Amino acid sequence: MAYEADQDMAMILPLPVGSHDEDAAVRFIALDSYPNFFDDMLTGFPELMPELSRSFSGERGRSASEPLKVHEVGDYNASFIPTLNDFDRLDPQFKLSKQVWDRLPKYKDYGFAVFKLKASTRNQQQYMPVYTSRWSRLPSRLNTPHPMAFEFITRSPDTLFFPTIHIHDGEVHKEANFDHHLYYQGDSFSNSATLLKENSSDKLAAEFMDITKTRGLVDSDQGCHAIVMSGILPNQDTVLATV
């Protein structure tokens, strides 16, 4: 990821948690020791590597006024919001209006993971080329934070959940512009969405990933699968069910 911004940014991910315990439901994982995690993952899928890619090597028990616990996750600050009612404990600049959540009733009993890029990352910039829609090369100084991860107690152990719904302007649109690669392991999941193109690596993960740096997130003895989400697609989360 590379970005330019003149203020702090945050991402809120709704999660179908099986527990709302603020101390146990979610575990955050920094991948600051493996900044090339996704670059290496992509090498397992040469058919997905365009030329541009090749050029870059009830359980709450908390006071409603008590601030959310903040976890240090490398370049990020992360918090778990147990319920919608706990959004009052979030930094006001990152809150979504009640009207947004009223239009998303499926999330009324979800938990939420929040990631905020630390202000200090503004000083951790490096020079990188930027490509415009006309593929002209422009110099820019971009922030390049390392990857991060989290795991959570799920209420649906027979599914694999990717939080892919987009809300960027305070409105819930039926469709959104996607440019995502979703990676997973395990052959027991079925992709039933005909709009999503899926690819499988022809190598075991150990052949293209540095397993020692993945902090247990990647099984060395399995291959990997990649789902490509590109273009205008239904604005919703992506859920794979077991076969």
C-alpha atoms as a PDB file:
ATOM      1  CA  MET A   1       0.000   0.000   0.000  1.00  0.00           C
ATOM      2  CA  ALA A   2       1.182   3.501  -0.800  1.00  0.00           C
ATOM      3  CA  TYR A   3      -0.686   6.717  -0.124  1.00  0.00           C
ATOM      4  CA  GLU A   4      -0.516  10.463   0.361  1.00  0.00           C
ATOM      5  CA  ALA A   5      -2.657  12.153   3.018  1.00  0.00           C
ATOM      6  CA  ASP A   6      -2.584  15.355   5.012  1.00  0.00           C
ATOM      7  CA  GLN A   7      -4.468  13.894   7.983  1.00  0.00           C
ATOM      8  CA  ASP A   8      -4.853  10.656   9.904  1.00  0.00           C
ATOM      9  CA  MET A   9      -6.829   7.915   8.202  1.00  0.00           C
ATOM     10  CA  ALA A  10      -8.760   4.942   9.553  1.00  0.00           C
ATOM     11  CA  MET A  11     -10.421   1.806   8.231  1.00  0.00           C
ATOM     12  CA  ILE A  12     -13.425   0.217   9.956  1.00  0.00           C
ATOM     13  CA  LEU A  13     -14.083  -3.463   9.228  1.00  0.00           C
ATOM     14  CA  PRO A  14     -17.348  -5.114  10.378  1.00  0.00           C
ATOM     15  CA  LEU A  15     -16.768  -8.660  11.624  1.00  0.00           C
ATOM     16  CA  PRO A  16     -19.233 -11.525  12.344  1.00  0.00           C
ATOM     17  CA  VAL A  17     -17.690 -12.142  15.740  1.00  0.00           C
ATOM     18  CA  GLY A  18     -18.722 -15.030  17.938  1.00  0.00           C
ATOM     19  CA  SER A  19     -17.771 -13.055  21.029  1.00  0.00           C
ATOM     20  CA  HIS A  20     -18.023  -9.390  22.035  1.00  0.00           C
ATOM     21  CA  ASP A  21     -15.349  -9.693  24.697  1.00  0.00           C
ATOM     22  CA  GLU A  22     -13.132  -6.685  24.057  1.00  0.00           C
ATOM     23  CA  ASP A  23     -10.045  -8.452  25.389  1.00  0.00           C
ATOM     24  CA  ALA A  24     -10.419 -11.791  23.591  1.00  0.00           C
ATOM     25  CA  ALA A  25     -12.563 -11.521  20.453  1.00  0.00           C
ATOM     26  CA  VAL A  26      -9.839 -10.126  18.165  1.00  0.00           C
ATOM     27  CA  ARG A  27      -6.047 -10.504  18.072  1.00  0.00           C
ATOM     28  CA  PHE A  28      -4.025  -8.015  16.021  1.00  0.00           C
ATOM     29  CA  ILE A  29      -0.864  -9.127  14.229  1.00  0.00           C
ATOM     30  CA  ALA A  30       1.868  -6.806  12.961  1.00  0.00           C
ATOM     31  CA  LEU A  31       3.756  -7.895   9.854  1.00  0.00           C
ATOM     32  CA  ASP A  32       6.396  -5.197  10.096  1.00  0.00           C
ATOM     33  CA  SER A  33       9.115  -7.864   9.846  1.00  0.00           C
ATOM     34  CA  TYR A  34       7.696  -8.960   6.485  1.00  0.00           C
ATOM     35  CA  PRO A  35       6.967  -5.776   4.486  1.00  0.00           C
ATOM     36  CA  ASN A  36       7.025  -7.777   1.224  1.00  0.00           C
ATOM     37  CA  PHE A  37       4.350 -10.243   2.352  1.00  0.00           C
ATOM     38  CA  PHE A  38       1.959  -9.454  -0.506  1.00  0.00           C
ATOM     39  CA  ASP A  39       4.709  -8.976  -3.076  1.00  0.00           C
ATOM     40  CA  ASP A  40       5.920 -12.502  -2.359  1.00  0.00           C
ATOM     41  CA  MET A  41       2.374 -13.847  -2.327  1.00  0.00           C
ATOM     42  CA  LEU A  42       1.764 -12.402  -5.765  1.00  0.00           C
ATOM     43  CA  THR A  43       4.770 -14.269  -7.182  1.00  0.00           C
ATOM     44  CA  GLY A  44       2.846 -17.482  -6.572  1.00  0.00           C
ATOM     45  CA  PHE A  45       0.366 -16.291  -9.187  1.00  0.00           C
ATOM     46  CA  PRO A  46       2.379 -15.124 -12.217  1.00  0.00           C
ATOM     47  CA  GLU A  47      -0.810 -14.805 -14.271  1.00  0.00           C
ATOM     48  CA  LEU A  48      -1.932 -12.010 -11.913  1.00  0.00           C
ATOM     49  CA  MET A  49       1.277  -9.973 -12.194  1.00  0.00           C
ATOM     50  CA  PRO A  50       0.800  -7.085 -14.642  1.00  0.00           C
ATOM     51  CA  GLU A  51       3.828  -5.187 -15.849  1.00  0.00           C
ATOM     52  CA  LEU A  52       3.172  -2.458 -13.296  1.00  0.00           C
ATOM     53  CA  SER A  53       3.467  -4.957 -10.444  1.00  0.00           C
ATOM     54  CA  ARG A  54       6.723  -6.253 -11.843  1.00  0.00           C
ATOM     55  CA  SER A  55       8.199  -2.757 -11.667  1.00  0.00           C
ATOM     56  CA  PHE A  56       7.995  -2.694  -7.829  1.00  0.00           C
ATOM     57  CA  SER A  57       9.992  -5.126  -5.969  1.00  0.00           C
ATOM     58  CA  GLY A  58     -23.406  -9.258  26.793  1.00  0.00           C
ATOM     59  CA  GLU A  59     -19.792  -9.646  27.333  1.00  0.00           C
ATOM     60  CA  ARG A  60     -18.959  -5.982  27.131  1.00  0.00           C
ATOM     61  CA  GLY A  61     -18.451  -5.193  30.791  1.00  0.00           C
ATOM     62  CA  ARG A  62     -17.136  -1.714  29.870  1.00  0.00           C
ATOM     63  CA  SER A  63     -18.323   1.772  30.686  1.00  0.00           C
ATOM     64  CA  ALA A  64     -19.837   3.520  27.667  1.00  0.00           C
ATOM     65  CA  SER A  65     -17.490   6.436  28.332  1.00  0.00           C
ATOM     66  CA  GLU A  66     -14.329   4.376  28.734  1.00  0.00           C
ATOM     67  CA  PRO A  67     -11.997   4.862  25.753  1.00  0.00           C
ATOM     68  CA  LEU A  68     -11.390   1.900  23.490  1.00  0.00           C
ATOM     69  CA  LYS A  69      -8.260  -0.073  24.179  1.00  0.00           C
ATOM     70  CA  VAL A  70      -5.583   0.835  21.618  1.00  0.00           C
ATOM     71  CA  HIS A  71      -3.198  -1.821  20.328  1.00  0.00           C
ATOM     72  CA  GLU A  72       0.148  -0.968  18.776  1.00  0.00           C
ATOM     73  CA  VAL A  73       0.394  -2.914  15.506  1.00  0.00           C
ATOM     74  CA  GLY A  74       3.597  -1.607  13.955  1.00  0.00           C
ATOM     75  CA  ASP A  75       2.707   1.420  11.826  1.00  0.00           C
ATOM     76  CA  TYR A  76      -0.915   1.247  12.986  1.00  0.00           C
ATOM     77  CA  ASN A  77      -3.052   1.873  16.026  1.00  0.00           C
ATOM     78  CA  ALA A  78      -5.817  -0.743  16.198  1.00  0.00           C
ATOM     79  CA  SER A  79      -8.923  -1.150  18.323  1.00  0.00           C
ATOM     80  CA  PHE A  80     -11.811  -3.573  18.594  1.00  0.00           C
ATOM     81  CA  ILE A  81     -15.313  -2.096  18.864  1.00  0.00           C
ATOM     82  CA  PRO A  82     -17.484  -4.787  20.485  1.00  0.00           C
ATOM     83  CA  THR A  83     -20.873  -3.459  19.341  1.00  0.00           C
ATOM     84  CA  LEU A  84     -22.470  -0.582  17.441  1.00  0.00           C
ATOM     85  CA  ASN A  85     -23.238   1.084  20.778  1.00  0.00           C
ATOM     86  CA  ASP A  86     -19.509   1.282  21.468  1.00  0.00           C
ATOM     87  CA  PHE A  87     -18.852   3.622  18.531  1.00  0.00           C
ATOM     88  CA  ASP A  88     -19.291   6.502  20.999  1.00  0.00           C
ATOM     89  CA  ARG A  89     -15.893   5.448  22.376  1.00  0.00           C
ATOM     90  CA  LEU A  90     -14.188   5.941  19.000  1.00  0.00           C
ATOM     91  CA  ASP A  91     -12.346   9.081  17.887  1.00  0.00           C
ATOM     92  CA  PRO A  92     -15.136  11.336  16.500  1.00  0.00           C
ATOM     93  CA  GLN A  93     -13.329  11.989  13.215  1.00  0.00           C
ATOM     94  CA  PHE A  94     -13.614   8.305  12.292  1.00  0.00           C
ATOM     95  CA  LYS A  95     -17.256   7.726  13.191  1.00  0.00           C
ATOM     96  CA  LEU A  96     -19.892   6.810  10.640  1.00  0.00           C
ATOM     97  CA  SER A  97     -23.328   8.349  11.062  1.00  0.00           C
ATOM     98  CA  LYS A  98     -26.233   6.418  12.573  1.00  0.00           C
ATOM     99  CA  GLN A  99     -28.001   6.704   9.220  1.00  0.00           C
ATOM    100  CA  VAL A 100     -25.271   4.621   7.593  1.00  0.00           C
ATOM    101  CA  TRP A 101     -25.683   1.788  10.073  1.00  0.00           C
ATOM    102  CA  ASP A 102     -29.489   2.002   9.807  1.00  0.00           C
ATOM    103  CA  ARG A 103     -29.067   1.128   6.139  1.00  0.00           C
ATOM    104  CA  LEU A 104     -26.888  -1.870   7.058  1.00  0.00           C
ATOM    105  CA  PRO A 105     -29.067  -3.790   9.536  1.00  0.00           C
ATOM    106  CA  LYS A 106     -27.069  -7.019   9.096  1.00  0.00           C
ATOM    107  CA  TYR A 107     -24.261  -5.414  11.123  1.00  0.00           C
ATOM    108  CA  LYS A 108     -26.388  -4.575  14.154  1.00  0.00           C
ATOM    109  CA  ASP A 109     -24.832  -7.397  16.187  1.00  0.00           C
ATOM    110  CA  TYR A 110     -21.370  -7.413  14.572  1.00  0.00           C
ATOM    111  CA  GLY A 111     -18.113  -6.338  16.148  1.00  0.00           C
ATOM    112  CA  PHE A 112     -15.725  -3.966  14.380  1.00  0.00           C
ATOM    113  CA  ALA A 113     -11.969  -3.764  13.888  1.00  0.00           C
ATOM    114  CA  VAL A 114     -10.561  -0.250  13.470  1.00  0.00           C
ATOM    115  CA  PHE A 115      -7.108   0.510  12.063  1.00  0.00           C
ATOM    116  CA  LYS A 116      -5.632   3.994  12.120  1.00  0.00           C
ATOM    117  CA  LEU A 117      -2.378   4.927  10.482  1.00  0.00           C
ATOM    118  CA  LYS A 118      -0.161   6.632  13.007  1.00  0.00           C
ATOM    119  CA  ALA A 119       0.710  10.242  12.372  1.00  0.00           C
ATOM    120  CA  SER A 120       4.389   9.281  12.577  1.00  0.00           C
ATOM    121  CA  THR A 121       4.104   7.339   9.322  1.00  0.00           C
ATOM    122  CA  ARG A 122       4.073  10.698   7.571  1.00  0.00           C
ATOM    123  CA  ASN A 123       7.776  10.866   8.347  1.00  0.00           C
ATOM    124  CA  GLN A 124       8.456   7.330   7.144  1.00  0.00           C
ATOM    125  CA  GLN A 125       8.238   8.197   3.471  1.00  0.00           C
ATOM    126  CA  GLN A 126      10.187   6.887   0.560  1.00  0.00           C
ATOM    127  CA  TYR A 127      10.488   7.945  -3.043  1.00  0.00           C
ATOM    128  CA  MET A 128       8.342   5.877  -5.400  1.00  0.00           C
ATOM    129  CA  PRO A 129       7.078   6.406  -8.956  1.00  0.00           C
ATOM    130  CA  VAL A 130       3.353   6.977  -9.398  1.00  0.00           C
ATOM    131  CA  TYR A 131       1.469   5.950 -12.508  1.00  0.00           C
ATOM    132  CA  THR A 132      -1.540   7.965 -13.666  1.00  0.00           C
ATOM    133  CA  SER A 133      -4.408   6.622 -15.754  1.00  0.00           C
ATOM    134  CA  ARG A 134      -2.380   7.538 -18.841  1.00  0.00           C
ATOM    135  CA  TRP A 135       0.570   5.515 -17.501  1.00  0.00           C
ATOM    136  CA  SER A 136       2.826   8.536 -17.319  1.00  0.00           C
ATOM    137  CA  ARG A 137       5.385   8.351 -14.543  1.00  0.00           C
ATOM    138  CA  LEU A 138       5.210  11.088 -11.946  1.00  0.00           C
ATOM    139  CA  PRO A 139       7.515  11.511  -8.950  1.00  0.00           C
ATOM    140  CA  SER A 140       5.860  11.541  -5.560  1.00  0.00           C
ATOM    141  CA  ARG A 141       6.692  10.957  -1.915  1.00  0.00           C
ATOM    142  CA  LEU A 142       4.356   8.285  -0.608  1.00  0.00           C
ATOM    143  CA  ASN A 143       3.773   6.663   2.763  1.00  0.00           C
ATOM    144  CA  THR A 144       4.341   2.917   2.520  1.00  0.00           C
ATOM    145  CA  PRO A 145       3.151   1.189   5.720  1.00  0.00           C
ATOM    146  CA  HIS A 146       3.848  -2.499   6.199  1.00  0.00           C
ATOM    147  CA  PRO A 147       1.096  -5.167   5.999  1.00  0.00           C
ATOM    148  CA  MET A 148      -0.945  -6.083   9.059  1.00  0.00           C
ATOM    149  CA  ALA A 149      -3.355  -8.845  10.024  1.00  0.00           C
ATOM    150  CA  PHE A 150      -5.837  -9.902  12.660  1.00  0.00           C
ATOM    151  CA  GLU A 151      -7.754 -13.000  13.665  1.00  0.00           C
ATOM    152  CA  PHE A 152     -11.119 -13.138  15.381  1.00  0.00           C
ATOM    153  CA  ILE A 153     -13.525 -15.557  17.025  1.00  0.00           C
ATOM    154  CA  THR A 154     -16.145 -16.189  14.349  1.00  0.00           C
ATOM    155  CA  ARG A 155     -19.800 -17.046  14.742  1.00  0.00           C
ATOM    156  CA  SER A 156     -19.695 -18.939  11.420  1.00  0.00           C
ATOM    157  CA  PRO A 157     -16.861 -21.502  11.497  1.00  0.00           C
ATOM    158  CA  ASP A 158     -18.094 -23.064   8.249  1.00  0.00           C
ATOM    159  CA  THR A 159     -17.407 -19.916   6.230  1.00  0.00           C
ATOM    160  CA  LEU A 160     -14.430 -17.781   5.286  1.00  0.00           C
ATOM    161  CA  PHE A 161     -15.203 -14.074   5.672  1.00  0.00           C
ATOM    162  CA  PHE A 162     -13.564 -11.185   3.797  1.00  0.00           C
ATOM    163  CA  PRO A 163     -14.704  -7.665   4.873  1.00  0.00           C
ATOM    164  CA  THR A 164     -15.010  -6.037   1.443  1.00  0.00           C
ATOM    165  CA  ILE A 165     -17.957  -3.645   1.759  1.00  0.00           C
ATOM    166  CA  HIS A 166     -17.003  -0.055   0.788  1.00  0.00           C
ATOM    167  CA  ILE A 167     -18.229   3.138   2.447  1.00  0.00           C
ATOM    168  CA  HIS A 168     -16.043   6.094   1.483  1.00  0.00           C
ATOM    169  CA  ASP A 169     -18.380   9.095   1.314  1.00  0.00           C
ATOM    170  CA  GLY A 170     -20.840   8.427   4.123  1.00  0.00           C
ATOM    171  CA  GLU A 171     -23.268   6.748   1.709  1.00  0.00           C
ATOM    172  CA  VAL A 172     -24.060   3.077   1.143  1.00  0.00           C
ATOM    173  CA  HIS A 173     -23.925   2.446  -2.599  1.00  0.00           C
ATOM    174  CA  LYS A 174     -25.273  -0.755  -4.182  1.00  0.00           C
ATOM    175  CA  GLU A 175     -22.117  -1.129  -6.245  1.00  0.00           C
ATOM    176  CA  ALA A 176     -18.486  -0.118  -5.729  1.00  0.00           C
ATOM    177  CA  ASN A 177     -15.268  -0.018  -7.725  1.00  0.00           C
ATOM    178  CA  PHE A 178     -13.046  -2.917  -6.625  1.00  0.00           C
ATOM    179  CA  ASP A 179      -9.361  -3.543  -7.237  1.00  0.00           C
ATOM    180  CA  HIS A 180      -8.650  -6.345  -4.774  1.00  0.00           C
ATOM    181  CA  HIS A 181      -6.816  -9.649  -4.540  1.00  0.00           C
ATOM    182  CA  LEU A 182      -8.167 -11.934  -1.804  1.00  0.00           C
ATOM    183  CA  TYR A 183      -5.809 -14.746  -0.805  1.00  0.00           C
ATOM    184  CA  TYR A 184      -6.639 -17.841   1.208  1.00  0.00           C
ATOM    185  CA  GLN A 185      -5.555 -21.427   1.832  1.00  0.00           C
ATOM    186  CA  GLY A 186      -7.610 -24.605   2.098  1.00  0.00           C
ATOM    187  CA  ASP A 187      -9.429 -26.582  -0.576  1.00  0.00           C
ATOM    188  CA  SER A 188     -12.665 -26.964   1.382  1.00  0.00           C
ATOM    189  CA  PHE A 189     -14.061 -23.530   0.491  1.00  0.00           C
ATOM    190  CA  SER A 190     -16.266 -22.917  -2.525  1.00  0.00           C
ATOM    191  CA  ASN A 191     -16.453 -19.674  -4.516  1.00  0.00           C
ATOM    192  CA  SER A 192     -20.035 -19.591  -5.774  1.00  0.00           C
ATOM    193  CA  ALA A 193     -19.929 -15.997  -7.024  1.00  0.00           C
ATOM    194  CA  THR A 194     -19.627 -16.148 -10.807  1.00  0.00           C
ATOM    195  CA  LEU A 195     -18.372 -12.545 -10.899  1.00  0.00           C
ATOM    196  CA  LEU A 196     -15.222 -13.445  -8.985  1.00  0.00           C
ATOM    197  CA  LYS A 197     -12.325 -14.943 -10.913  1.00  0.00           C
ATOM    198  CA  GLU A 198     -10.309 -17.442  -8.905  1.00  0.00           C
ATOM    199  CA  ASN A 199      -6.759 -18.725  -9.392  1.00  0.00           C
ATOM    200  CA  SER A 200      -4.718 -21.361  -7.595  1.00  0.00           C
ATOM    201  CA  SER A 201      -0.950 -21.398  -7.173  1.00  0.00           C
ATOM    202  CA  ASP A 202       0.889 -24.324  -8.767  1.00  0.00           C
ATOM    203  CA  LYS A 203       3.454 -24.323  -5.948  1.00  0.00           C
ATOM    204  CA  LEU A 204       3.365 -24.839  -2.211  1.00  0.00           C
ATOM    205  CA  ALA A 205       3.452 -21.620  -0.182  1.00  0.00           C
ATOM    206  CA  ALA A 206       6.960 -22.437   1.093  1.00  0.00           C
ATOM    207  CA  GLU A 207       8.266 -22.070  -2.459  1.00  0.00           C
ATOM    208  CA  PHE A 208       7.356 -18.394  -2.777  1.00  0.00           C
ATOM    209  CA  MET A 209       6.755 -17.140   0.785  1.00  0.00           C
ATOM    210  CA  ASP A 210       9.214 -16.662   3.654  1.00  0.00           C
ATOM    211  CA  ILE A 211       7.203 -18.802   6.062  1.00  0.00           C
ATOM    212  CA  THR A 212       9.358 -17.862   9.061  1.00  0.00           C
ATOM    213  CA  LYS A 213       8.112 -14.264   8.791  1.00  0.00           C
ATOM    214  CA  THR A 214       4.384 -14.974   8.354  1.00  0.00           C
ATOM    215  CA  ARG A 215       3.766 -15.393  12.109  1.00  0.00           C
ATOM    216  CA  GLY A 216       1.764 -18.580  11.582  1.00  0.00           C
ATOM    217  CA  LEU A 217      -0.620 -17.042   9.053  1.00  0.00           C
ATOM    218  CA  VAL A 218       0.548 -19.210   6.142  1.00  0.00           C
ATOM    219  CA  ASP A 219       0.774 -23.025   6.017  1.00  0.00           C
ATOM    220  CA  SER A 220       3.991 -23.962   4.226  1.00  0.00           C
ATOM    221  CA  ASP A 221       2.618 -27.328   3.079  1.00  0.00           C
ATOM    222  CA  GLN A 222      -0.381 -25.943   1.186  1.00  0.00           C
ATOM    223  CA  GLY A 223      -0.789 -23.968  -1.989  1.00  0.00           C
ATOM    224  CA  CYS A 224      -2.725 -20.690  -2.054  1.00  0.00           C
ATOM    225  CA  HIS A 225      -5.839 -19.454  -3.801  1.00  0.00           C
ATOM    226  CA  ALA A 226      -6.462 -15.947  -5.078  1.00  0.00           C
ATOM    227  CA  ILE A 227      -9.781 -14.295  -5.893  1.00  0.00           C
ATOM    228  CA  VAL A 228      -9.567 -11.265  -8.141  1.00  0.00           C
ATOM    229  CA  MET A 229     -12.145  -8.512  -7.581  1.00  0.00           C
ATOM    230  CA  SER A 230     -11.821  -5.914 -10.304  1.00  0.00           C
ATOM    231  CA  GLY A 231     -14.193  -3.274 -11.628  1.00  0.00           C
ATOM    232  CA  ILE A 232     -17.745  -2.412 -10.600  1.00  0.00           C
ATOM    233  CA  LEU A 233     -19.160  -5.140  -8.363  1.00  0.00           C
ATOM    234  CA  PRO A 234     -21.940  -5.508  -5.764  1.00  0.00           C
ATOM    235  CA  ASN A 235     -20.942  -3.565  -2.675  1.00  0.00           C
ATOM    236  CA  GLN A 236     -20.914  -6.324  -0.091  1.00  0.00           C
ATOM    237  CA  ASP A 237     -18.685  -8.545   1.986  1.00  0.00           C
ATOM    238  CA  THR A 238     -17.263 -11.676   0.388  1.00  0.00           C
ATOM    239  CA  VAL A 239     -18.086 -14.980   2.083  1.00  0.00           C
ATOM    240  CA  LEU A 240     -16.891 -18.433   0.999  1.00  0.00           C
ATOM    241  CA  ALA A 241     -18.740 -21.482   2.279  1.00  0.00           C
ATOM    242  CA  THR A 242     -17.311 -24.925   2.925  1.00  0.00           C
ATOM    243  CA  VAL A 243     -17.938 -27.499   0.230  1.00  0.00           C
END
